[in-house]
Amino acid sequence: MTIQPGTGPSASGDGTPAPQPVYSSAEEWVTSHFLPMFRRPLGGEYRWCPQWWRHAEAITRLTALWHTWEALRLQPGTGMATWLRDHLDHQLPVLLGRTGPFSMCSEDEHLDPRQATAEHPPPGWWDISPRQITPPGDAAGLPGRAAETEP
């Protein structure tokens, strides 16, 4: 038996249909609710990319905002205030900030962000014995990886 969204029992178990989301996707929520509602002067402190969907971090943050918005809109009383304080007020400066996912973009241009790279550690780097914490060949040691000596 397949239960269609909104036709099964609610989370409370009282048999009432589960509430339907207002928006069917993060994209719909962003374009129909987020962008019209939370306007900021763009450029300088706040950045936005019209191709926001090309930024994996932005997709993750906006999807999290959408999901929490859908859940907290149903909470009577302080649900929306809680969403604003605990979710939007935290995510907005990160998402739109100078060092956020849109830092290289402008209102008119998308630039792919540079991806950080990682080098493989030398052989034996992660082989830590009780008697030696410093990796082989690193006599000077590194911060946080001091060598232990035998008693």
N, C-alpha and C. Protein backbone atom coordinates (compact mmCIF):
# COMPACT_ATOMS: atom_id res chain seq x y z
N MET A 1 0.84 -1.18 0.00
CA MET A 1 0.00 0.00 0.00
C MET A 1 0.88 1.24 0.00
N THR A 2 0.64 2.16 -0.91
CA THR A 2 1.38 3.41 -0.99
C THR A 2 0.53 4.52 -0.42
N ILE A 3 1.15 5.30 0.45
CA ILE A 3 0.46 6.45 1.03
C ILE A 3 0.94 7.69 0.31
N GLN A 4 0.02 8.43 -0.26
CA GLN A 4 0.35 9.68 -0.93
C GLN A 4 0.61 10.76 0.12
N PRO A 5 1.53 11.69 -0.17
CA PRO A 5 1.79 12.76 0.79
C PRO A 5 0.49 13.47 1.16
N GLY A 6 0.32 13.67 2.45
CA GLY A 6 -0.84 14.39 2.94
C GLY A 6 -2.08 13.54 3.14
N THR A 7 -2.01 12.24 2.78
CA THR A 7 -3.19 11.40 2.94
C THR A 7 -3.07 10.44 4.10
N GLY A 8 -1.88 10.23 4.59
CA GLY A 8 -1.67 9.31 5.72
C GLY A 8 -1.95 10.00 7.04
N PRO A 9 -1.81 9.25 8.12
CA PRO A 9 -2.04 9.86 9.43
C PRO A 9 -0.99 10.92 9.73
N SER A 10 -1.37 11.87 10.53
CA SER A 10 -0.44 12.93 10.90
C SER A 10 0.57 12.38 11.90
N ALA A 11 1.59 13.17 12.16
CA ALA A 11 2.61 12.77 13.12
C ALA A 11 2.01 12.58 14.51
N SER A 12 0.90 13.22 14.78
CA SER A 12 0.28 13.10 16.10
C SER A 12 -0.46 11.77 16.24
N GLY A 13 -0.68 11.07 15.12
CA GLY A 13 -1.34 9.78 15.17
C GLY A 13 -2.84 9.85 15.38
N ASP A 14 -3.42 11.02 15.17
CA ASP A 14 -4.87 11.15 15.40
C ASP A 14 -5.70 10.86 14.15
N GLY A 15 -5.04 10.43 13.07
CA GLY A 15 -5.76 10.07 11.85
C GLY A 15 -6.02 11.23 10.91
N THR A 16 -5.71 12.46 11.31
CA THR A 16 -5.91 13.59 10.40
C THR A 16 -4.79 13.58 9.36
N PRO A 17 -5.09 14.04 8.16
CA PRO A 17 -4.06 14.05 7.12
C PRO A 17 -2.87 14.92 7.54
N ALA A 18 -1.68 14.46 7.15
CA ALA A 18 -0.47 15.25 7.41
C ALA A 18 -0.53 16.52 6.58
N PRO A 19 -0.05 17.63 7.12
CA PRO A 19 -0.10 18.89 6.36
C PRO A 19 0.79 18.82 5.13
N GLN A 20 0.32 19.42 4.06
CA GLN A 20 1.08 19.49 2.82
C GLN A 20 2.05 20.67 2.90
N PRO A 21 3.24 20.52 2.30
CA PRO A 21 4.13 21.69 2.25
C PRO A 21 3.52 22.77 1.36
N VAL A 22 3.84 24.00 1.66
CA VAL A 22 3.36 25.11 0.85
C VAL A 22 4.08 25.10 -0.50
N TYR A 23 5.37 24.81 -0.48
CA TYR A 23 6.19 24.82 -1.69
C TYR A 23 6.64 23.40 -2.00
N SER A 24 6.74 23.08 -3.28
CA SER A 24 7.07 21.71 -3.68
C SER A 24 8.56 21.45 -3.80
N SER A 25 9.38 22.50 -3.76
CA SER A 25 10.83 22.33 -3.91
C SER A 25 11.55 23.53 -3.31
N ALA A 26 12.84 23.35 -3.10
CA ALA A 26 13.66 24.47 -2.63
C ALA A 26 13.65 25.59 -3.66
N GLU A 27 13.70 25.24 -4.93
CA GLU A 27 13.69 26.26 -5.98
C GLU A 27 12.42 27.11 -5.92
N GLU A 28 11.29 26.45 -5.76
CA GLU A 28 10.04 27.20 -5.67
C GLU A 28 10.02 28.09 -4.43
N TRP A 29 10.51 27.57 -3.30
CA TRP A 29 10.55 28.36 -2.06
C TRP A 29 11.46 29.57 -2.22
N VAL A 30 12.63 29.36 -2.84
CA VAL A 30 13.58 30.46 -3.02
C VAL A 30 12.99 31.54 -3.90
N THR A 31 12.42 31.15 -5.05
CA THR A 31 11.93 32.16 -5.99
C THR A 31 10.60 32.78 -5.60
N SER A 32 9.75 32.02 -4.93
CA SER A 32 8.42 32.54 -4.58
C SER A 32 8.35 33.16 -3.19
N HIS A 33 9.22 32.76 -2.29
CA HIS A 33 9.14 33.26 -0.92
C HIS A 33 10.42 33.98 -0.47
N PHE A 34 11.53 33.28 -0.51
CA PHE A 34 12.77 33.82 0.04
C PHE A 34 13.20 35.12 -0.63
N LEU A 35 13.35 35.11 -1.96
CA LEU A 35 13.84 36.31 -2.65
C LEU A 35 12.89 37.50 -2.54
N PRO A 36 11.57 37.32 -2.71
CA PRO A 36 10.69 38.47 -2.55
C PRO A 36 10.62 38.98 -1.10
N MET A 37 10.76 38.10 -0.13
CA MET A 37 10.57 38.48 1.27
C MET A 37 11.83 39.09 1.90
N PHE A 38 12.99 38.48 1.68
CA PHE A 38 14.19 38.88 2.40
C PHE A 38 15.15 39.62 1.47
N ARG A 39 14.80 40.86 1.21
CA ARG A 39 15.57 41.69 0.29
C ARG A 39 16.68 42.40 1.04
N ARG A 40 17.84 42.48 0.41
CA ARG A 40 18.98 43.18 0.97
C ARG A 40 19.60 44.02 -0.14
N PRO A 41 20.25 45.13 0.22
CA PRO A 41 20.97 45.88 -0.81
C PRO A 41 22.17 45.06 -1.25
N LEU A 42 22.20 44.65 -2.51
CA LEU A 42 23.25 43.75 -2.98
C LEU A 42 24.48 44.51 -3.40
N GLY A 43 25.62 43.85 -3.30
CA GLY A 43 26.92 44.46 -3.53
C GLY A 43 27.47 44.87 -2.18
N GLY A 44 28.76 44.94 -2.06
CA GLY A 44 29.32 45.29 -0.76
C GLY A 44 29.15 44.16 0.24
N GLU A 45 28.38 44.42 1.28
CA GLU A 45 28.23 43.45 2.36
C GLU A 45 27.45 42.21 1.95
N TYR A 46 26.45 42.37 1.10
CA TYR A 46 25.60 41.24 0.72
C TYR A 46 25.80 40.86 -0.73
N ARG A 47 25.96 39.57 -0.96
CA ARG A 47 26.18 39.04 -2.31
C ARG A 47 25.08 38.06 -2.66
N TRP A 48 24.73 38.00 -3.93
CA TRP A 48 23.77 37.02 -4.42
C TRP A 48 24.21 36.62 -5.82
N CYS A 49 23.88 35.41 -6.21
CA CYS A 49 24.16 34.94 -7.55
C CYS A 49 22.85 34.51 -8.19
N PRO A 50 22.52 35.06 -9.37
CA PRO A 50 21.28 34.66 -10.02
C PRO A 50 21.28 33.17 -10.39
N GLN A 51 22.45 32.58 -10.45
CA GLN A 51 22.57 31.13 -10.68
C GLN A 51 22.93 30.45 -9.35
N TRP A 52 22.16 30.76 -8.33
CA TRP A 52 22.41 30.24 -6.98
C TRP A 52 22.44 28.72 -6.97
N TRP A 53 21.74 28.10 -7.89
CA TRP A 53 21.65 26.65 -7.98
C TRP A 53 22.95 26.02 -8.46
N ARG A 54 23.94 26.82 -8.84
CA ARG A 54 25.27 26.30 -9.21
C ARG A 54 26.20 26.23 -8.00
N HIS A 55 25.74 26.63 -6.85
CA HIS A 55 26.56 26.67 -5.63
C HIS A 55 26.05 25.62 -4.66
N ALA A 56 26.80 24.55 -4.51
CA ALA A 56 26.36 23.43 -3.66
C ALA A 56 26.08 23.89 -2.23
N GLU A 57 26.93 24.74 -1.69
CA GLU A 57 26.70 25.22 -0.32
C GLU A 57 25.40 26.00 -0.23
N ALA A 58 25.13 26.83 -1.21
CA ALA A 58 23.89 27.60 -1.21
C ALA A 58 22.68 26.69 -1.30
N ILE A 59 22.75 25.67 -2.13
CA ILE A 59 21.65 24.71 -2.24
C ILE A 59 21.39 24.07 -0.88
N THR A 60 22.45 23.65 -0.22
CA THR A 60 22.31 23.00 1.09
C THR A 60 21.70 23.95 2.11
N ARG A 61 22.20 25.16 2.19
CA ARG A 61 21.69 26.12 3.17
C ARG A 61 20.25 26.54 2.87
N LEU A 62 19.95 26.79 1.61
CA LEU A 62 18.59 27.20 1.25
C LEU A 62 17.60 26.06 1.42
N THR A 63 18.02 24.85 1.13
CA THR A 63 17.13 23.70 1.34
C THR A 63 16.86 23.52 2.83
N ALA A 64 17.88 23.68 3.65
CA ALA A 64 17.69 23.60 5.10
C ALA A 64 16.73 24.69 5.58
N LEU A 65 16.88 25.89 5.05
CA LEU A 65 15.96 26.97 5.42
C LEU A 65 14.54 26.65 4.98
N TRP A 66 14.37 26.12 3.79
CA TRP A 66 13.04 25.76 3.31
C TRP A 66 12.41 24.68 4.18
N HIS A 67 13.15 23.61 4.45
CA HIS A 67 12.59 22.52 5.27
C HIS A 67 12.19 23.00 6.66
N THR A 68 13.04 23.80 7.28
CA THR A 68 12.71 24.28 8.63
C THR A 68 11.56 25.28 8.57
N TRP A 69 11.49 26.07 7.51
CA TRP A 69 10.36 27.00 7.35
C TRP A 69 9.06 26.22 7.25
N GLU A 70 9.05 25.17 6.42
CA GLU A 70 7.83 24.35 6.26
C GLU A 70 7.40 23.74 7.59
N ALA A 71 8.35 23.30 8.40
CA ALA A 71 8.01 22.68 9.69
C ALA A 71 7.55 23.72 10.70
N LEU A 72 8.29 24.81 10.82
CA LEU A 72 7.98 25.78 11.88
C LEU A 72 6.80 26.69 11.56
N ARG A 73 6.42 26.80 10.29
CA ARG A 73 5.23 27.61 9.96
C ARG A 73 3.99 27.01 10.59
N LEU A 74 4.04 25.71 10.89
CA LEU A 74 2.89 25.01 11.46
C LEU A 74 2.81 25.15 12.97
N GLN A 75 3.87 25.65 13.59
CA GLN A 75 3.88 25.78 15.05
C GLN A 75 3.13 27.04 15.46
N PRO A 76 2.10 26.90 16.26
CA PRO A 76 1.34 28.08 16.67
C PRO A 76 2.20 29.01 17.54
N GLY A 77 1.83 30.23 17.53
CA GLY A 77 2.50 31.20 18.40
C GLY A 77 3.86 31.62 17.88
N THR A 78 4.90 30.99 18.39
CA THR A 78 6.26 31.46 18.11
C THR A 78 7.00 30.68 17.03
N GLY A 79 6.32 29.85 16.27
CA GLY A 79 7.00 29.06 15.24
C GLY A 79 7.82 29.88 14.27
N MET A 80 7.22 30.92 13.71
CA MET A 80 7.94 31.75 12.75
C MET A 80 9.04 32.57 13.42
N ALA A 81 8.79 33.03 14.63
CA ALA A 81 9.83 33.77 15.36
C ALA A 81 11.02 32.86 15.63
N THR A 82 10.75 31.63 15.97
CA THR A 82 11.82 30.66 16.19
C THR A 82 12.58 30.42 14.90
N TRP A 83 11.88 30.29 13.77
CA TRP A 83 12.55 30.10 12.49
C TRP A 83 13.44 31.29 12.16
N LEU A 84 12.91 32.49 12.35
CA LEU A 84 13.71 33.68 12.07
C LEU A 84 14.97 33.72 12.93
N ARG A 85 14.80 33.52 14.22
CA ARG A 85 15.93 33.63 15.16
C ARG A 85 16.93 32.49 14.99
N ASP A 86 16.45 31.27 14.98
CA ASP A 86 17.34 30.11 15.02
C ASP A 86 17.85 29.67 13.66
N HIS A 87 17.16 30.02 12.60
CA HIS A 87 17.55 29.52 11.29
C HIS A 87 17.94 30.66 10.33
N LEU A 88 17.01 31.52 9.99
CA LEU A 88 17.31 32.57 9.02
C LEU A 88 18.40 33.52 9.52
N ASP A 89 18.27 33.99 10.77
CA ASP A 89 19.26 34.95 11.27
C ASP A 89 20.67 34.37 11.32
N HIS A 90 20.77 33.07 11.42
CA HIS A 90 22.09 32.44 11.38
C HIS A 90 22.57 32.24 9.94
N GLN A 91 21.70 31.75 9.07
CA GLN A 91 22.10 31.39 7.71
C GLN A 91 22.29 32.59 6.79
N LEU A 92 21.48 33.63 6.95
CA LEU A 92 21.51 34.74 6.00
C LEU A 92 22.88 35.42 5.91
N PRO A 93 23.53 35.76 7.04
CA PRO A 93 24.85 36.39 6.91
C PRO A 93 25.89 35.45 6.31
N VAL A 94 25.77 34.17 6.55
CA VAL A 94 26.71 33.21 5.96
C VAL A 94 26.43 33.08 4.47
N LEU A 95 25.18 32.92 4.11
CA LEU A 95 24.79 32.71 2.72
C LEU A 95 25.09 33.93 1.85
N LEU A 96 24.74 35.12 2.33
CA LEU A 96 24.89 36.34 1.53
C LEU A 96 26.15 37.12 1.83
N GLY A 97 26.93 36.69 2.81
CA GLY A 97 28.09 37.46 3.26
C GLY A 97 29.23 37.52 2.26
N ARG A 98 30.15 38.41 2.53
CA ARG A 98 31.31 38.65 1.65
C ARG A 98 32.16 37.40 1.43
N THR A 99 32.17 36.51 2.39
CA THR A 99 32.97 35.29 2.25
C THR A 99 32.10 34.06 2.05
N GLY A 100 30.82 34.26 1.79
CA GLY A 100 29.89 33.15 1.59
C GLY A 100 30.01 32.53 0.21
N PRO A 101 29.09 31.64 -0.13
CA PRO A 101 29.18 30.92 -1.40
C PRO A 101 29.09 31.82 -2.63
N PHE A 102 28.54 33.02 -2.50
CA PHE A 102 28.41 33.92 -3.63
C PHE A 102 29.50 35.00 -3.65
N SER A 103 30.55 34.83 -2.89
CA SER A 103 31.55 35.87 -2.72
C SER A 103 32.19 36.32 -4.03
N MET A 104 32.29 35.45 -5.00
CA MET A 104 32.93 35.82 -6.27
C MET A 104 31.93 36.28 -7.32
N CYS A 105 30.64 36.18 -7.01
CA CYS A 105 29.59 36.51 -7.98
C CYS A 105 29.09 37.94 -7.78
N SER A 106 28.36 38.40 -8.77
CA SER A 106 27.65 39.67 -8.65
C SER A 106 26.21 39.41 -9.05
N GLU A 107 25.41 40.45 -9.00
CA GLU A 107 24.02 40.30 -9.42
C GLU A 107 23.91 39.90 -10.88
N ASP A 108 24.94 40.24 -11.67
CA ASP A 108 24.90 40.03 -13.11
C ASP A 108 25.77 38.88 -13.61
N GLU A 109 26.61 38.32 -12.73
CA GLU A 109 27.57 37.34 -13.21
C GLU A 109 27.81 36.23 -12.20
N HIS A 110 27.83 35.00 -12.71
CA HIS A 110 28.18 33.84 -11.88
C HIS A 110 29.63 33.49 -12.15
N LEU A 111 30.39 33.31 -11.09
CA LEU A 111 31.76 32.79 -11.20
C LEU A 111 31.85 31.56 -10.31
N ASP A 112 32.35 30.48 -10.89
CA ASP A 112 32.49 29.26 -10.10
C ASP A 112 33.48 29.49 -8.97
N PRO A 113 33.10 29.10 -7.76
CA PRO A 113 34.05 29.24 -6.65
C PRO A 113 35.17 28.22 -6.80
N ARG A 114 36.34 28.59 -6.32
CA ARG A 114 37.46 27.65 -6.34
C ARG A 114 37.23 26.59 -5.29
N GLN A 115 37.51 25.37 -5.65
CA GLN A 115 37.39 24.27 -4.69
C GLN A 115 38.74 24.09 -4.01
N ALA A 116 38.70 23.94 -2.70
CA ALA A 116 39.93 23.66 -1.97
C ALA A 116 40.45 22.30 -2.40
N THR A 117 41.76 22.16 -2.38
CA THR A 117 42.36 20.88 -2.73
C THR A 117 42.99 20.27 -1.48
N ALA A 118 43.30 19.01 -1.59
CA ALA A 118 43.95 18.32 -0.48
C ALA A 118 45.04 17.42 -1.05
N GLU A 119 46.15 17.39 -0.37
CA GLU A 119 47.22 16.48 -0.74
C GLU A 119 47.14 15.26 0.14
N HIS A 120 47.61 14.14 -0.39
CA HIS A 120 47.64 12.92 0.41
C HIS A 120 48.78 13.02 1.41
N PRO A 121 48.57 12.57 2.64
CA PRO A 121 49.65 12.61 3.63
C PRO A 121 50.72 11.57 3.27
N PRO A 122 51.93 11.76 3.79
CA PRO A 122 52.98 10.79 3.51
C PRO A 122 52.63 9.43 4.12
N PRO A 123 53.20 8.38 3.56
CA PRO A 123 52.93 7.04 4.12
C PRO A 123 53.24 6.99 5.61
N GLY A 124 52.36 6.35 6.35
CA GLY A 124 52.57 6.21 7.79
C GLY A 124 52.05 7.36 8.64
N TRP A 125 51.55 8.42 8.00
CA TRP A 125 51.10 9.61 8.74
C TRP A 125 50.03 9.25 9.77
N TRP A 126 49.10 8.41 9.41
CA TRP A 126 47.99 8.08 10.31
C TRP A 126 48.26 6.84 11.16
N ASP A 127 49.45 6.23 10.99
CA ASP A 127 49.81 5.06 11.80
C ASP A 127 50.39 5.54 13.12
N ILE A 128 49.56 5.64 14.12
CA ILE A 128 49.99 6.16 15.42
C ILE A 128 50.07 5.01 16.40
N SER A 129 51.26 4.84 16.94
CA SER A 129 51.43 3.81 17.96
C SER A 129 51.46 4.49 19.32
N PRO A 130 51.28 3.73 20.40
CA PRO A 130 51.32 4.35 21.73
C PRO A 130 52.65 5.00 22.03
N ARG A 131 53.71 4.57 21.39
CA ARG A 131 55.05 5.10 21.69
C ARG A 131 55.46 6.23 20.75
N GLN A 132 54.78 6.40 19.65
CA GLN A 132 55.18 7.43 18.69
C GLN A 132 53.96 8.12 18.13
N ILE A 133 53.84 9.39 18.43
CA ILE A 133 52.73 10.16 17.88
C ILE A 133 53.21 10.97 16.69
N THR A 134 54.47 11.37 16.66
CA THR A 134 55.02 12.11 15.53
C THR A 134 55.15 11.19 14.34
N PRO A 135 54.74 11.62 13.16
CA PRO A 135 54.84 10.75 11.98
C PRO A 135 56.29 10.42 11.67
N PRO A 136 56.52 9.27 11.05
CA PRO A 136 57.88 8.88 10.70
C PRO A 136 58.57 9.96 9.88
N GLY A 137 59.82 10.23 10.19
CA GLY A 137 60.60 11.21 9.44
C GLY A 137 60.36 12.64 9.87
N ASP A 138 59.55 12.89 10.88
CA ASP A 138 59.27 14.26 11.33
C ASP A 138 59.85 14.44 12.73
N ALA A 139 61.16 14.57 12.80
CA ALA A 139 61.84 14.65 14.10
C ALA A 139 61.47 15.91 14.85
N ALA A 140 61.19 16.99 14.10
CA ALA A 140 60.87 18.25 14.77
C ALA A 140 59.48 18.24 15.35
N GLY A 141 58.61 17.44 14.79
CA GLY A 141 57.22 17.39 15.26
C GLY A 141 56.42 18.56 14.73
N LEU A 142 55.13 18.44 14.80
CA LEU A 142 54.22 19.50 14.38
C LEU A 142 53.32 19.84 15.55
N PRO A 143 52.75 21.04 15.58
CA PRO A 143 51.83 21.36 16.66
C PRO A 143 50.74 20.32 16.78
N GLY A 144 50.51 19.88 17.98
CA GLY A 144 49.44 18.92 18.23
C GLY A 144 49.85 17.48 17.97
N ARG A 145 51.08 17.24 17.58
CA ARG A 145 51.53 15.89 17.29
C ARG A 145 52.90 15.68 17.93
N ALA A 146 52.99 15.89 19.22
CA ALA A 146 54.26 15.77 19.94
C ALA A 146 54.68 14.31 20.04
N ALA A 147 55.98 14.08 20.01
CA ALA A 147 56.49 12.72 20.14
C ALA A 147 56.54 12.32 21.60
N GLU A 148 56.17 11.08 21.85
CA GLU A 148 56.29 10.54 23.19
C GLU A 148 57.58 9.75 23.27
N THR A 149 58.16 9.71 24.44
CA THR A 149 59.37 8.93 24.61
C THR A 149 59.09 7.75 25.51
N GLU A 150 59.94 6.73 25.39
CA GLU A 150 59.76 5.55 26.24
C GLU A 150 60.12 5.90 27.67
N PRO A 151 59.46 5.29 28.64
CA PRO A 151 59.80 5.58 30.04
C PRO A 151 61.15 5.03 30.42
